[in-house]
Amino acid sequence: MNPSYYKMKNGQDLNDMFEAGLIPHVESFYMGNIIKYTVRHQNKNGLEDLEKAKTYLDRLIKYEEATANDKFQRKTRNYQGD
């Protein structure tokens, strides 16, 4: 799920822009969409909505991994005195 109409001229999609700071607390945005698509799937788009929820869950996992890695690197640099 990454339609071309979400891509900007610079090649980034909206989610990339959200993660770069366009939306504060992007993880809350992802969690809201996970909940929305999971709850409505039986009454609206079925499997398609579950796939959308999975896409947002995958984005959230990648974002959290990157954030955790960044925090770890900053702590390591501070510990080493860099």
C-alpha atoms as a PDB file:
ATOM      1  CA  MET A   1       0.000   0.000   0.000  1.00  0.00           C
ATOM      2  CA  ASN A   2       1.933   2.956  -1.293  1.00  0.00           C
ATOM      3  CA  PRO A   3      -0.058   4.635  -4.057  1.00  0.00           C
ATOM      4  CA  SER A   4       1.791   7.046  -6.306  1.00  0.00           C
ATOM      5  CA  TYR A   5      -0.591   9.879  -5.415  1.00  0.00           C
ATOM      6  CA  TYR A   6       1.009   9.987  -1.945  1.00  0.00           C
ATOM      7  CA  LYS A   7       4.430  10.673  -3.474  1.00  0.00           C
ATOM      8  CA  MET A   8       5.772  14.207  -3.575  1.00  0.00           C
ATOM      9  CA  LYS A   9       7.887  15.572  -6.412  1.00  0.00           C
ATOM     10  CA  ASN A  10      11.018  14.978  -4.334  1.00  0.00           C
ATOM     11  CA  GLY A  11      10.225  11.236  -4.163  1.00  0.00           C
ATOM     12  CA  GLN A  12       9.173  11.208  -0.519  1.00  0.00           C
ATOM     13  CA  ASP A  13       5.757   9.945   0.444  1.00  0.00           C
ATOM     14  CA  LEU A  14       3.568  11.454   3.132  1.00  0.00           C
ATOM     15  CA  ASN A  15       4.743   8.967   5.747  1.00  0.00           C
ATOM     16  CA  ASP A  16       8.360   9.985   5.126  1.00  0.00           C
ATOM     17  CA  MET A  17       7.353  13.611   5.651  1.00  0.00           C
ATOM     18  CA  PHE A  18       5.435  12.730   8.828  1.00  0.00           C
ATOM     19  CA  GLU A  19       8.494  10.961  10.230  1.00  0.00           C
ATOM     20  CA  ALA A  20      10.704  13.915   9.317  1.00  0.00           C
ATOM     21  CA  GLY A  21       8.659  16.120  11.648  1.00  0.00           C
ATOM     22  CA  LEU A  22       5.609  17.276   9.691  1.00  0.00           C
ATOM     23  CA  ILE A  23       3.407  15.647  12.341  1.00  0.00           C
ATOM     24  CA  PRO A  24       4.574  15.671  15.949  1.00  0.00           C
ATOM     25  CA  HIS A  25       4.227  12.252  17.596  1.00  0.00           C
ATOM     26  CA  VAL A  26       3.932  10.369  14.313  1.00  0.00           C
ATOM     27  CA  GLU A  27       3.693   7.132  16.280  1.00  0.00           C
ATOM     28  CA  SER A  28       0.256   8.235  17.526  1.00  0.00           C
ATOM     29  CA  PHE A  29      -0.821   8.823  13.921  1.00  0.00           C
ATOM     30  CA  TYR A  30       0.257   5.305  12.995  1.00  0.00           C
ATOM     31  CA  MET A  31      -1.457   3.758  16.037  1.00  0.00           C
ATOM     32  CA  GLY A  32      -4.688   5.615  15.272  1.00  0.00           C
ATOM     33  CA  ASN A  33      -4.720   4.244  11.732  1.00  0.00           C
ATOM     34  CA  ILE A  34      -3.935   0.716  12.953  1.00  0.00           C
ATOM     35  CA  ILE A  35      -6.932   0.891  15.270  1.00  0.00           C
ATOM     36  CA  LYS A  36      -9.202   2.484  12.658  1.00  0.00           C
ATOM     37  CA  TYR A  37      -8.538  -0.083   9.938  1.00  0.00           C
ATOM     38  CA  THR A  38      -8.637  -3.042  12.317  1.00  0.00           C
ATOM     39  CA  VAL A  39     -11.948  -2.036  13.889  1.00  0.00           C
ATOM     40  CA  ARG A  40     -13.751  -1.244  10.646  1.00  0.00           C
ATOM     41  CA  HIS A  41     -12.511  -4.155   8.516  1.00  0.00           C
ATOM     42  CA  GLN A  42     -15.532  -6.415   9.140  1.00  0.00           C
ATOM     43  CA  ASN A  43     -18.049  -3.754   8.145  1.00  0.00           C
ATOM     44  CA  LYS A  44     -16.227  -1.978   5.341  1.00  0.00           C
ATOM     45  CA  ASN A  45     -13.340  -3.275   3.231  1.00  0.00           C
ATOM     46  CA  GLY A  46     -12.437  -6.603   4.833  1.00  0.00           C
ATOM     47  CA  LEU A  47      -8.969  -7.867   3.997  1.00  0.00           C
ATOM     48  CA  GLU A  48      -8.035  -4.584   2.308  1.00  0.00           C
ATOM     49  CA  ASP A  49      -8.433  -2.736   5.616  1.00  0.00           C
ATOM     50  CA  LEU A  50      -6.376  -5.371   7.449  1.00  0.00           C
ATOM     51  CA  GLU A  51      -3.617  -4.893   4.861  1.00  0.00           C
ATOM     52  CA  LYS A  52      -3.758  -1.143   5.491  1.00  0.00           C
ATOM     53  CA  ALA A  53      -3.526  -1.743   9.246  1.00  0.00           C
ATOM     54  CA  LYS A  54      -0.524  -4.015   8.635  1.00  0.00           C
ATOM     55  CA  THR A  55       1.139  -1.322   6.534  1.00  0.00           C
ATOM     56  CA  TYR A  56       0.810   1.186   9.358  1.00  0.00           C
ATOM     57  CA  LEU A  57       2.031  -1.394  11.879  1.00  0.00           C
ATOM     58  CA  ASP A  58       5.094  -2.093   9.727  1.00  0.00           C
ATOM     59  CA  ARG A  59       5.782   1.660   9.468  1.00  0.00           C
ATOM     60  CA  LEU A  60       5.413   2.028  13.242  1.00  0.00           C
ATOM     61  CA  ILE A  61       7.845  -0.833  13.867  1.00  0.00           C
ATOM     62  CA  LYS A  62      10.434   0.650  11.492  1.00  0.00           C
ATOM     63  CA  TYR A  63       9.992   4.097  13.045  1.00  0.00           C
ATOM     64  CA  GLU A  64      10.375   2.751  16.586  1.00  0.00           C
ATOM     65  CA  GLU A  65      13.464   0.718  15.608  1.00  0.00           C
ATOM     66  CA  ALA A  66      15.078   3.758  14.002  1.00  0.00           C
ATOM     67  CA  THR A  67      14.215   5.956  16.974  1.00  0.00           C
ATOM     68  CA  ALA A  68      15.586   3.426  19.459  1.00  0.00           C
ATOM     69  CA  ASN A  69      18.773   3.062  17.410  1.00  0.00           C
ATOM     70  CA  ASP A  70      19.201   6.843  17.248  1.00  0.00           C
ATOM     71  CA  LYS A  71      18.738   7.183  21.019  1.00  0.00           C
ATOM     72  CA  PHE A  72      21.260   4.386  21.606  1.00  0.00           C
ATOM     73  CA  GLN A  73      23.836   6.061  19.363  1.00  0.00           C
ATOM     74  CA  ARG A  74      23.396   9.409  21.138  1.00  0.00           C
ATOM     75  CA  LYS A  75      23.813   7.757  24.549  1.00  0.00           C
ATOM     76  CA  THR A  76      26.927   5.924  23.335  1.00  0.00           C
ATOM     77  CA  ARG A  77      28.468   9.164  22.018  1.00  0.00           C
ATOM     78  CA  ASN A  78      27.707  10.960  25.293  1.00  0.00           C
ATOM     79  CA  TYR A  79      29.250   8.114  27.281  1.00  0.00           C
ATOM     80  CA  GLN A  80      32.383   8.175  25.137  1.00  0.00           C
ATOM     81  CA  GLY A  81      32.662  11.949  25.495  1.00  0.00           C
ATOM     82  CA  ASP A  82      32.164  12.707  21.795  1.00  0.00           C
END
